[in-house]
C-alpha atoms as a PDB file:
ATOM      1  CA  MET A   1      78.787  70.713  85.987  1.00  0.00           C
ATOM      2  CA  ALA A   2      81.467  72.209  88.248  1.00  0.00           C
ATOM      3  CA  ALA A   3      84.324  69.970  89.329  1.00  0.00           C
ATOM      4  CA  ALA A   4      84.244  68.696  92.894  1.00  0.00           C
ATOM      5  CA  TYR A   5      86.193  70.958  95.237  1.00  0.00           C
ATOM      6  CA  VAL A   6      89.814  69.995  95.928  1.00  0.00           C
ATOM      7  CA  GLY A   7      92.002  72.250  98.060  1.00  0.00           C
ATOM      8  CA  ARG A   8      95.510  71.936  99.404  1.00  0.00           C
ATOM      9  CA  PHE A   9      98.015  73.222 101.920  1.00  0.00           C
ATOM     10  CA  ALA A  10     101.561  73.223 100.554  1.00  0.00           C
ATOM     11  CA  PRO A  11     104.206  74.125 103.153  1.00  0.00           C
ATOM     12  CA  SER A  12     107.922  74.266 102.461  1.00  0.00           C
ATOM     13  CA  PRO A  13     109.894  72.264 105.063  1.00  0.00           C
ATOM     14  CA  THR A  14     112.331  75.049 105.886  1.00  0.00           C
ATOM     15  CA  GLY A  15     111.356  74.635 109.532  1.00  0.00           C
ATOM     16  CA  PRO A  16     108.258  73.901 111.641  1.00  0.00           C
ATOM     17  CA  LEU A  17     105.003  75.730 111.056  1.00  0.00           C
ATOM     18  CA  HIS A  18     104.745  79.190 112.618  1.00  0.00           C
ATOM     19  CA  ALA A  19     101.757  81.447 113.292  1.00  0.00           C
ATOM     20  CA  GLY A  20     101.668  82.783 109.735  1.00  0.00           C
ATOM     21  CA  SER A  21     101.690  79.408 108.045  1.00  0.00           C
ATOM     22  CA  MET A  22      98.952  78.133 110.358  1.00  0.00           C
ATOM     23  CA  VAL A  23      96.661  80.896 109.069  1.00  0.00           C
ATOM     24  CA  ALA A  24      96.997  79.539 105.519  1.00  0.00           C
ATOM     25  CA  ALA A  25      96.614  75.955 106.741  1.00  0.00           C
ATOM     26  CA  LEU A  26      93.414  76.690 108.649  1.00  0.00           C
ATOM     27  CA  ALA A  27      91.923  78.812 105.857  1.00  0.00           C
ATOM     28  CA  SER A  28      92.539  76.150 103.214  1.00  0.00           C
ATOM     29  CA  TRP A  29      91.120  73.416 105.489  1.00  0.00           C
ATOM     30  CA  LEU A  30      88.024  75.464 106.340  1.00  0.00           C
ATOM     31  CA  ASP A  31      87.358  76.377 102.720  1.00  0.00           C
ATOM     32  CA  ALA A  32      87.568  72.737 101.631  1.00  0.00           C
ATOM     33  CA  ARG A  33      85.274  71.601 104.429  1.00  0.00           C
ATOM     34  CA  ALA A  34      82.812  74.444 103.813  1.00  0.00           C
ATOM     35  CA  HIS A  35      82.479  73.260 100.205  1.00  0.00           C
ATOM     36  CA  GLY A  36      82.213  69.578 101.153  1.00  0.00           C
ATOM     37  CA  GLY A  37      85.491  69.019  99.309  1.00  0.00           C
ATOM     38  CA  ARG A  38      88.786  67.240  99.755  1.00  0.00           C
ATOM     39  CA  TRP A  39      91.840  68.770 101.446  1.00  0.00           C
ATOM     40  CA  LEU A  40      95.365  67.677 100.514  1.00  0.00           C
ATOM     41  CA  VAL A  41      98.804  68.330 101.961  1.00  0.00           C
ATOM     42  CA  ARG A  42     101.800  68.711  99.651  1.00  0.00           C
ATOM     43  CA  ILE A  43     105.329  69.129 100.973  1.00  0.00           C
ATOM     44  CA  GLU A  44     107.024  71.642  98.672  1.00  0.00           C
ATOM     45  CA  ASP A  45     110.629  70.549  99.152  1.00  0.00           C
ATOM     46  CA  VAL A  46     111.735  71.265  95.600  1.00  0.00           C
ATOM     47  CA  ASP A  47     114.293  73.804  96.868  1.00  0.00           C
ATOM     48  CA  ARG A  48     116.584  71.344  98.614  1.00  0.00           C
ATOM     49  CA  HIS A  49     119.070  74.020  99.692  1.00  0.00           C
ATOM     50  CA  ARG A  50     116.495  75.717 101.926  1.00  0.00           C
ATOM     51  CA  CYS A  51     114.908  72.590 103.378  1.00  0.00           C
ATOM     52  CA  VAL A  52     115.669  71.550 106.945  1.00  0.00           C
ATOM     53  CA  ALA A  53     116.107  67.829 107.577  1.00  0.00           C
ATOM     54  CA  GLY A  54     113.283  66.486 109.726  1.00  0.00           C
ATOM     55  CA  ALA A  55     111.024  69.523 109.283  1.00  0.00           C
ATOM     56  CA  ASP A  56     108.404  67.709 107.187  1.00  0.00           C
ATOM     57  CA  PRO A  57     107.349  65.163 109.839  1.00  0.00           C
ATOM     58  CA  ILE A  58     107.191  67.971 112.397  1.00  0.00           C
ATOM     59  CA  ILE A  59     104.858  69.939 110.100  1.00  0.00           C
ATOM     60  CA  LEU A  60     102.603  66.910 109.660  1.00  0.00           C
ATOM     61  CA  GLN A  61     102.561  66.369 113.431  1.00  0.00           C
ATOM     62  CA  GLN A  62     101.644  70.016 114.025  1.00  0.00           C
ATOM     63  CA  LEU A  63      98.734  69.797 111.585  1.00  0.00           C
ATOM     64  CA  ALA A  64      97.497  66.558 113.154  1.00  0.00           C
ATOM     65  CA  ALA A  65      97.725  68.026 116.672  1.00  0.00           C
ATOM     66  CA  CYS A  66      95.383  70.812 115.528  1.00  0.00           C
ATOM     67  CA  GLY A  67      92.916  68.402 113.944  1.00  0.00           C
ATOM     68  CA  LEU A  68      93.835  69.302 110.364  1.00  0.00           C
ATOM     69  CA  HIS A  69      93.895  65.893 108.694  1.00  0.00           C
ATOM     70  CA  ALA A  70      94.393  65.492 104.952  1.00  0.00           C
ATOM     71  CA  ASP A  71      92.076  63.308 102.888  1.00  0.00           C
ATOM     72  CA  ASP A  72      94.935  61.550 101.136  1.00  0.00           C
ATOM     73  CA  ALA A  73      98.571  60.729 101.822  1.00  0.00           C
ATOM     74  CA  PRO A  74     100.956  63.703 101.582  1.00  0.00           C
ATOM     75  CA  VAL A  75     102.927  64.249  98.375  1.00  0.00           C
ATOM     76  CA  TRP A  76     106.571  65.357  98.309  1.00  0.00           C
ATOM     77  CA  GLN A  77     107.730  67.489  95.372  1.00  0.00           C
ATOM     78  CA  SER A  78     111.234  66.024  95.611  1.00  0.00           C
ATOM     79  CA  GLN A  79     109.777  62.742  94.330  1.00  0.00           C
ATOM     80  CA  ARG A  80     108.099  64.287  91.286  1.00  0.00           C
ATOM     81  CA  GLY A  81     110.985  65.433  89.115  1.00  0.00           C
ATOM     82  CA  ALA A  82     109.916  63.290  86.163  1.00  0.00           C
ATOM     83  CA  HIS A  83     106.619  65.183  85.926  1.00  0.00           C
ATOM     84  CA  TYR A  84     108.344  68.568  85.922  1.00  0.00           C
ATOM     85  CA  ARG A  85     110.849  67.355  83.317  1.00  0.00           C
ATOM     86  CA  ALA A  86     108.019  66.261  81.021  1.00  0.00           C
ATOM     87  CA  ALA A  87     106.342  69.657  81.350  1.00  0.00           C
ATOM     88  CA  LEU A  88     109.583  71.478  80.548  1.00  0.00           C
ATOM     89  CA  GLU A  89     110.193  69.288  77.504  1.00  0.00           C
ATOM     90  CA  ARG A  90     106.717  70.100  76.214  1.00  0.00           C
ATOM     91  CA  LEU A  91     107.321  73.834  76.612  1.00  0.00           C
ATOM     92  CA  VAL A  92     110.709  73.564  74.870  1.00  0.00           C
ATOM     93  CA  ASN A  93     109.220  71.595  71.983  1.00  0.00           C
ATOM     94  CA  GLU A  94     106.539  74.251  71.545  1.00  0.00           C
ATOM     95  CA  GLY A  95     109.045  77.103  71.579  1.00  0.00           C
ATOM     96  CA  LEU A  96     107.800  78.418  74.916  1.00  0.00           C
ATOM     97  CA  ALA A  97     110.957  77.728  76.922  1.00  0.00           C
ATOM     98  CA  TYR A  98     114.629  78.284  76.155  1.00  0.00           C
ATOM     99  CA  PRO A  99     118.072  77.850  77.755  1.00  0.00           C
ATOM    100  CA  CYS A 100     119.699  80.770  79.549  1.00  0.00           C
ATOM    101  CA  ALA A 101     123.399  81.332  80.295  1.00  0.00           C
ATOM    102  CA  CYS A 102     122.993  84.411  82.510  1.00  0.00           C
ATOM    103  CA  SER A 103     124.069  84.647  86.112  1.00  0.00           C
ATOM    104  CA  ARG A 104     122.384  87.053  88.511  1.00  0.00           C
ATOM    105  CA  GLN A 105     125.333  89.424  88.083  1.00  0.00           C
ATOM    106  CA  ASP A 106     124.956  89.243  84.286  1.00  0.00           C
ATOM    107  CA  ILE A 107     121.313  90.274  84.588  1.00  0.00           C
ATOM    108  CA  GLU A 108     122.110  93.148  86.941  1.00  0.00           C
ATOM    109  CA  ARG A 109     124.816  94.417  84.579  1.00  0.00           C
ATOM    110  CA  ALA A 110     122.517  94.205  81.565  1.00  0.00           C
ATOM    111  CA  LEU A 111     119.787  96.109  83.377  1.00  0.00           C
ATOM    112  CA  ALA A 112     122.261  98.729  84.614  1.00  0.00           C
ATOM    113  CA  ALA A 113     123.472  99.235  81.041  1.00  0.00           C
ATOM    114  CA  GLN A 114     119.855 100.021  80.130  1.00  0.00           C
ATOM    115  CA  GLY A 115     119.605 102.474  83.022  1.00  0.00           C
ATOM    116  CA  ARG A 116     117.280 100.172  84.936  1.00  0.00           C
ATOM    117  CA  LEU A 117     118.625  99.998  88.478  1.00  0.00           C
ATOM    118  CA  ARG A 118     117.202  97.389  90.779  1.00  0.00           C
ATOM    119  CA  VAL A 119     114.746  98.537  93.453  1.00  0.00           C
ATOM    120  CA  ARG A 120     115.053  96.790  96.829  1.00  0.00           C
ATOM    121  CA  ASN A 121     112.581  93.921  97.337  1.00  0.00           C
ATOM    122  CA  GLU A 122     111.362  94.135  93.737  1.00  0.00           C
ATOM    123  CA  GLU A 123     111.701  91.569  90.972  1.00  0.00           C
ATOM    124  CA  LEU A 124     114.936  91.491  88.992  1.00  0.00           C
ATOM    125  CA  VAL A 125     113.293  91.788  85.564  1.00  0.00           C
ATOM    126  CA  TYR A 126     115.015  89.543  83.033  1.00  0.00           C
ATOM    127  CA  PRO A 127     116.053  91.623  79.987  1.00  0.00           C
ATOM    128  CA  GLY A 128     115.782  88.759  77.471  1.00  0.00           C
ATOM    129  CA  THR A 129     119.529  88.390  76.870  1.00  0.00           C
ATOM    130  CA  CYS A 130     119.385  84.720  75.801  1.00  0.00           C
ATOM    131  CA  ARG A 131     116.090  84.745  73.929  1.00  0.00           C
ATOM    132  CA  ASP A 132     117.844  84.412  70.577  1.00  0.00           C
ATOM    133  CA  GLY A 133     120.689  82.141  71.617  1.00  0.00           C
ATOM    134  CA  LEU A 134     123.450  81.612  74.173  1.00  0.00           C
ATOM    135  CA  GLY A 135     126.265  83.174  72.186  1.00  0.00           C
ATOM    136  CA  GLY A 136     128.478  80.150  72.787  1.00  0.00           C
ATOM    137  CA  ARG A 137     128.012  80.191  76.555  1.00  0.00           C
ATOM    138  CA  PRO A 138     126.883  77.072  78.471  1.00  0.00           C
ATOM    139  CA  THR A 139     123.315  76.636  79.641  1.00  0.00           C
ATOM    140  CA  ARG A 140     122.704  77.607  83.260  1.00  0.00           C
ATOM    141  CA  ALA A 141     118.919  77.676  83.528  1.00  0.00           C
ATOM    142  CA  TRP A 142     115.719  77.334  81.503  1.00  0.00           C
ATOM    143  CA  ARG A 143     113.231  80.179  81.133  1.00  0.00           C
ATOM    144  CA  PHE A 144     109.617  80.588  80.035  1.00  0.00           C
ATOM    145  CA  ARG A 145     109.144  82.866  77.031  1.00  0.00           C
ATOM    146  CA  THR A 146     106.612  85.536  77.993  1.00  0.00           C
ATOM    147  CA  ALA A 147     104.606  87.748  75.633  1.00  0.00           C
ATOM    148  CA  PRO A 148     103.251  91.305  75.941  1.00  0.00           C
ATOM    149  CA  GLY A 149      99.868  91.779  77.533  1.00  0.00           C
ATOM    150  CA  LEU A 150      98.029  91.710  80.828  1.00  0.00           C
ATOM    151  CA  VAL A 151      97.143  88.525  82.665  1.00  0.00           C
ATOM    152  CA  GLN A 152      93.875  89.111  84.506  1.00  0.00           C
ATOM    153  CA  TRP A 153      92.266  87.032  87.238  1.00  0.00           C
ATOM    154  CA  HIS A 154      89.907  87.338  90.186  1.00  0.00           C
ATOM    155  CA  ASP A 155      90.989  86.701  93.745  1.00  0.00           C
ATOM    156  CA  ARG A 156      88.145  85.785  96.087  1.00  0.00           C
ATOM    157  CA  ARG A 157      89.454  88.137  98.785  1.00  0.00           C
ATOM    158  CA  LEU A 158      91.611  90.700  96.963  1.00  0.00           C
ATOM    159  CA  GLY A 159      89.251  91.185  94.017  1.00  0.00           C
ATOM    160  CA  ASP A 160      90.190  91.717  90.349  1.00  0.00           C
ATOM    161  CA  ARG A 161      93.932  91.594  89.708  1.00  0.00           C
ATOM    162  CA  GLN A 162      96.212  91.959  86.708  1.00  0.00           C
ATOM    163  CA  GLN A 163      99.893  91.858  85.815  1.00  0.00           C
ATOM    164  CA  ASP A 164     101.989  92.353  82.699  1.00  0.00           C
ATOM    165  CA  VAL A 165     104.442  89.533  83.319  1.00  0.00           C
ATOM    166  CA  GLU A 166     106.739  90.383  80.424  1.00  0.00           C
ATOM    167  CA  ARG A 167     107.196  93.956  81.669  1.00  0.00           C
ATOM    168  CA  GLU A 168     107.170  93.350  85.430  1.00  0.00           C
ATOM    169  CA  VAL A 169     109.003  90.011  85.628  1.00  0.00           C
ATOM    170  CA  GLY A 170     110.368  89.081  82.228  1.00  0.00           C
ATOM    171  CA  ASP A 171     111.054  85.540  81.064  1.00  0.00           C
ATOM    172  CA  PHE A 172     111.013  83.641  84.356  1.00  0.00           C
ATOM    173  CA  VAL A 173     112.995  80.582  85.422  1.00  0.00           C
ATOM    174  CA  LEU A 174     111.585  77.062  85.114  1.00  0.00           C
ATOM    175  CA  ARG A 175     114.730  75.170  86.051  1.00  0.00           C
ATOM    176  CA  ARG A 176     117.504  76.846  87.998  1.00  0.00           C
ATOM    177  CA  ALA A 177     121.249  76.876  87.399  1.00  0.00           C
ATOM    178  CA  ASP A 178     121.737  74.456  90.310  1.00  0.00           C
ATOM    179  CA  GLY A 179     119.418  71.931  88.658  1.00  0.00           C
ATOM    180  CA  GLN A 180     116.534  72.556  91.060  1.00  0.00           C
ATOM    181  CA  TRP A 181     113.033  72.895  89.644  1.00  0.00           C
ATOM    182  CA  ALA A 182     111.544  76.349  90.037  1.00  0.00           C
ATOM    183  CA  TYR A 183     108.522  76.817  92.272  1.00  0.00           C
ATOM    184  CA  GLN A 184     106.378  78.215  89.448  1.00  0.00           C
ATOM    185  CA  LEU A 185     106.615  75.116  87.272  1.00  0.00           C
ATOM    186  CA  ALA A 186     106.376  72.602  90.110  1.00  0.00           C
ATOM    187  CA  VAL A 187     103.267  74.111  91.680  1.00  0.00           C
ATOM    188  CA  VAL A 188     101.423  74.347  88.366  1.00  0.00           C
ATOM    189  CA  VAL A 189     102.147  70.727  87.453  1.00  0.00           C
ATOM    190  CA  ASP A 190     101.255  69.479  90.932  1.00  0.00           C
ATOM    191  CA  ASP A 191      98.017  71.432  91.262  1.00  0.00           C
ATOM    192  CA  ALA A 192      96.812  70.093  87.926  1.00  0.00           C
ATOM    193  CA  GLN A 193      97.801  66.486  88.574  1.00  0.00           C
ATOM    194  CA  GLN A 194      96.223  66.537  92.032  1.00  0.00           C
ATOM    195  CA  GLY A 195      93.014  68.020  90.641  1.00  0.00           C
ATOM    196  CA  VAL A 196      93.199  71.162  92.776  1.00  0.00           C
ATOM    197  CA  THR A 197      90.254  73.439  92.014  1.00  0.00           C
ATOM    198  CA  GLN A 198      90.827  76.159  94.643  1.00  0.00           C
ATOM    199  CA  VAL A 199      94.167  77.541  95.851  1.00  0.00           C
ATOM    200  CA  VAL A 200      93.968  79.145  99.302  1.00  0.00           C
ATOM    201  CA  ARG A 201      97.343  80.523 100.402  1.00  0.00           C
ATOM    202  CA  GLY A 202      99.035  83.546 101.960  1.00  0.00           C
ATOM    203  CA  GLU A 203      98.818  86.971 100.360  1.00  0.00           C
ATOM    204  CA  ASP A 204     102.611  87.048  99.933  1.00  0.00           C
ATOM    205  CA  LEU A 205     102.174  84.494  97.133  1.00  0.00           C
ATOM    206  CA  ALA A 206      99.584  86.497  95.199  1.00  0.00           C
ATOM    207  CA  ASP A 207     102.242  87.976  92.904  1.00  0.00           C
ATOM    208  CA  ASN A 208     103.043  84.469  91.615  1.00  0.00           C
ATOM    209  CA  THR A 209      99.547  83.951  90.255  1.00  0.00           C
ATOM    210  CA  ALA A 210      99.992  85.582  86.836  1.00  0.00           C
ATOM    211  CA  ARG A 211     103.095  83.506  86.072  1.00  0.00           C
ATOM    212  CA  GLN A 212     101.286  80.354  87.089  1.00  0.00           C
ATOM    213  CA  ILE A 213      98.298  81.198  84.915  1.00  0.00           C
ATOM    214  CA  LEU A 214     100.614  81.675  81.920  1.00  0.00           C
ATOM    215  CA  LEU A 215     102.103  78.229  82.539  1.00  0.00           C
ATOM    216  CA  GLN A 216      98.661  76.665  82.953  1.00  0.00           C
ATOM    217  CA  ARG A 217      97.593  78.094  79.606  1.00  0.00           C
ATOM    218  CA  ALA A 218     100.808  77.027  77.892  1.00  0.00           C
ATOM    219  CA  LEU A 219     100.495  73.462  79.200  1.00  0.00           C
ATOM    220  CA  GLY A 220      96.762  73.206  78.518  1.00  0.00           C
ATOM    221  CA  LEU A 221      95.945  72.886  82.222  1.00  0.00           C
ATOM    222  CA  PRO A 222      92.903  74.254  84.084  1.00  0.00           C
ATOM    223  CA  THR A 223      93.237  77.413  86.152  1.00  0.00           C
ATOM    224  CA  PRO A 224      91.951  77.001  89.722  1.00  0.00           C
ATOM    225  CA  GLY A 225      90.227  79.682  91.745  1.00  0.00           C
ATOM    226  CA  TYR A 226      92.402  81.738  94.092  1.00  0.00           C
ATOM    227  CA  LEU A 227      91.971  83.146  97.580  1.00  0.00           C
ATOM    228  CA  HIS A 228      94.939  84.832  99.251  1.00  0.00           C
ATOM    229  CA  THR A 229      94.682  85.142 103.017  1.00  0.00           C
ATOM    230  CA  PRO A 230      95.866  87.970 105.304  1.00  0.00           C
ATOM    231  CA  LEU A 231      99.438  87.829 106.571  1.00  0.00           C
ATOM    232  CA  VAL A 232     100.731  87.701 110.109  1.00  0.00           C
ATOM    233  CA  LEU A 233     103.299  90.476 110.503  1.00  0.00           C
ATOM    234  CA  ALA A 234     106.467  90.491 112.581  1.00  0.00           C
ATOM    235  CA  ALA A 235     107.369  93.332 114.941  1.00  0.00           C
ATOM    236  CA  ASN A 236     109.231  95.120 112.125  1.00  0.00           C
ATOM    237  CA  GLY A 237     106.096  95.163 109.971  1.00  0.00           C
ATOM    238  CA  GLU A 238     107.368  92.540 107.527  1.00  0.00           C
ATOM    239  CA  LYS A 239     105.713  89.190 106.896  1.00  0.00           C
ATOM    240  CA  LEU A 240     106.283  86.747 109.722  1.00  0.00           C
ATOM    241  CA  SER A 241     108.609  84.060 108.374  1.00  0.00           C
ATOM    242  CA  LYS A 242     111.275  81.607 109.357  1.00  0.00           C
ATOM    243  CA  GLN A 243     113.836  83.952 107.821  1.00  0.00           C
ATOM    244  CA  ASN A 244     113.014  86.721 110.314  1.00  0.00           C
ATOM    245  CA  GLY A 245     112.923  84.473 113.351  1.00  0.00           C
ATOM    246  CA  ALA A 246     109.310  83.322 113.533  1.00  0.00           C
ATOM    247  CA  ALA A 247     108.900  80.922 116.454  1.00  0.00           C
ATOM    248  CA  ALA A 248     107.774  77.369 115.827  1.00  0.00           C
ATOM    249  CA  LEU A 249     104.168  76.749 116.842  1.00  0.00           C
ATOM    250  CA  ASP A 250     103.650  75.095 120.194  1.00  0.00           C
ATOM    251  CA  THR A 251     100.673  72.837 119.503  1.00  0.00           C
ATOM    252  CA  SER A 252     100.360  71.503 123.060  1.00  0.00           C
ATOM    253  CA  GLN A 253      97.285  73.770 123.336  1.00  0.00           C
ATOM    254  CA  PRO A 254      95.800  73.352 119.855  1.00  0.00           C
ATOM    255  CA  MET A 255      92.705  75.477 120.461  1.00  0.00           C
ATOM    256  CA  ASP A 256      94.921  78.443 121.338  1.00  0.00           C
ATOM    257  CA  VAL A 257      96.804  77.957 118.075  1.00  0.00           C
ATOM    258  CA  LEU A 258      93.599  77.651 116.060  1.00  0.00           C
ATOM    259  CA  ASN A 259      91.934  80.640 117.700  1.00  0.00           C
ATOM    260  CA  SER A 260      94.980  82.807 117.018  1.00  0.00           C
ATOM    261  CA  ALA A 261      94.833  81.827 113.340  1.00  0.00           C
ATOM    262  CA  ALA A 262      91.063  82.283 113.272  1.00  0.00           C
ATOM    263  CA  ALA A 263      91.421  85.833 114.612  1.00  0.00           C
ATOM    264  CA  VAL A 264      93.648  86.769 111.654  1.00  0.00           C
ATOM    265  CA  LEU A 265      90.932  85.416 109.354  1.00  0.00           C
ATOM    266  CA  GLY A 266      88.273  87.520 111.099  1.00  0.00           C
ATOM    267  CA  LEU A 267      86.628  84.496 112.709  1.00  0.00           C
ATOM    268  CA  PRO A 268      85.302  84.378 116.277  1.00  0.00           C
ATOM    269  CA  GLU A 269      86.916  82.260 118.952  1.00  0.00           C
ATOM    270  CA  HIS A 270      85.538  78.764 119.453  1.00  0.00           C
ATOM    271  CA  SER A 271      86.210  76.191 122.129  1.00  0.00           C
ATOM    272  CA  GLY A 272      85.970  73.155 119.876  1.00  0.00           C
ATOM    273  CA  PRO A 273      85.476  70.852 118.236  1.00  0.00           C
ATOM    274  CA  LEU A 274      87.104  72.300 115.131  1.00  0.00           C
ATOM    275  CA  PRO A 275      84.057  71.934 112.791  1.00  0.00           C
ATOM    276  CA  LEU A 276      82.350  74.699 114.793  1.00  0.00           C
ATOM    277  CA  ALA A 277      84.682  77.119 113.020  1.00  0.00           C
ATOM    278  CA  LEU A 278      82.996  76.325 109.717  1.00  0.00           C
ATOM    279  CA  ALA A 279      79.961  78.428 110.543  1.00  0.00           C
ATOM    280  CA  GLY A 280      82.171  81.423 111.232  1.00  0.00           C
ATOM    281  CA  TRP A 281      84.076  80.901 107.988  1.00  0.00           C
ATOM    282  CA  GLN A 282      80.879  80.728 105.969  1.00  0.00           C
ATOM    283  CA  ARG A 283      79.351  83.805 107.636  1.00  0.00           C
ATOM    284  CA  GLN A 284      82.326  86.146 107.714  1.00  0.00           C
ATOM    285  CA  TRP A 285      84.333  85.125 104.662  1.00  0.00           C
ATOM    286  CA  ARG A 286      81.573  84.277 102.239  1.00  0.00           C
ATOM    287  CA  ASP A 287      79.409  87.263 103.178  1.00  0.00           C
ATOM    288  CA  SER A 288      82.166  89.834 103.779  1.00  0.00           C
ATOM    289  CA  TYR A 289      84.055  89.012 100.591  1.00  0.00           C
ATOM    290  CA  ASN A 290      81.121  88.002  98.383  1.00  0.00           C
ATOM    291  CA  LEU A 291      82.511  84.536  97.895  1.00  0.00           C
ATOM    292  CA  PRO A 292      80.701  82.072  95.628  1.00  0.00           C
ATOM    293  CA  ARG A 293      78.025  79.937  97.247  1.00  0.00           C
ATOM    294  CA  ASP A 294      77.390  76.307  96.456  1.00  0.00           C
END
C-alpha cells in the first residue's frame, strides 16, 4: 500500500517571498491537496550567512495571506543540527564520508593543473584531492564519497533524468568549512524524518536530485517522487531571485498573487476561493504531464 501523501514547501529566509518562490509554494500546496495529503512548511535557514533576520515570519505571513496554511507547525533547520550530525557520523563510520582540507582556490588550482578550466555557472568538480588523506593539513569540510555510474530518476514534469555525480560534481560537501551544514545533507535528513513522499520545487533545484538520491540510498532512506516546476525569469533571462533584485510579494491582493503564480503553472485564473484552483491543477498538470492518478 502506498504511503499517504506528504508534501512540503521549504523556503530559505534570505528575504520575503517573491513571484518565483510563490510558484513553488502554490504548486506544492495544490499537489498535496489534489492527493488528499498533508502540506508542511520547513524554513531552510541552515546557511546562516545568507539568512535575513526577520524574513521567516514575513514568509509565513505571506503564505497565510494567500490562504496557504500548513498542516503542522513549521520546522526550522537551524534547530536540527543534532540530526544532521548523526547522519554524518553514520556516513563516516561506513566509509562514505571523509574530511577535506581543500579551499576553493586549492580545488581551482588542482583542476587547472589537470587542464580542466572552470566554465562559468557550472559546478566546480572536486578532483578527489583528500580522498586518501589530508597530508597533514587540518580538516576544513566533510565530503560524500561518490562512485562511478549514472543516477537515474523520473521527474513528473521533466521526464526521465540521469546524472553521473562522480564525473559532473565529484565528492560533494556535507559540512562546510565554516561549520554550516550543507543543503544536500540537511534536506535529505529532513524530508525523511518528516515523511515527505513528494517533493515539488523549482526547476533550478532539479540538478540537486541525483546527489540527494545518493545520500538517501547511503542512509537507507526512502526516495520521494519529484516534480520540478517552471521558473519565473527576470528581465535578463535569468531565474528571478533575491540576488538579482526580485521584489517582495505584495499580498494585499492575494488573488492577484495566486493568479500570477497559477499562470506560470499553466492554470486558468480563478476568483476564489483557493480550492477552485484544484480542478485546474488536476486537469492541466495531471493530463498534460501524464502524472500519476490516485
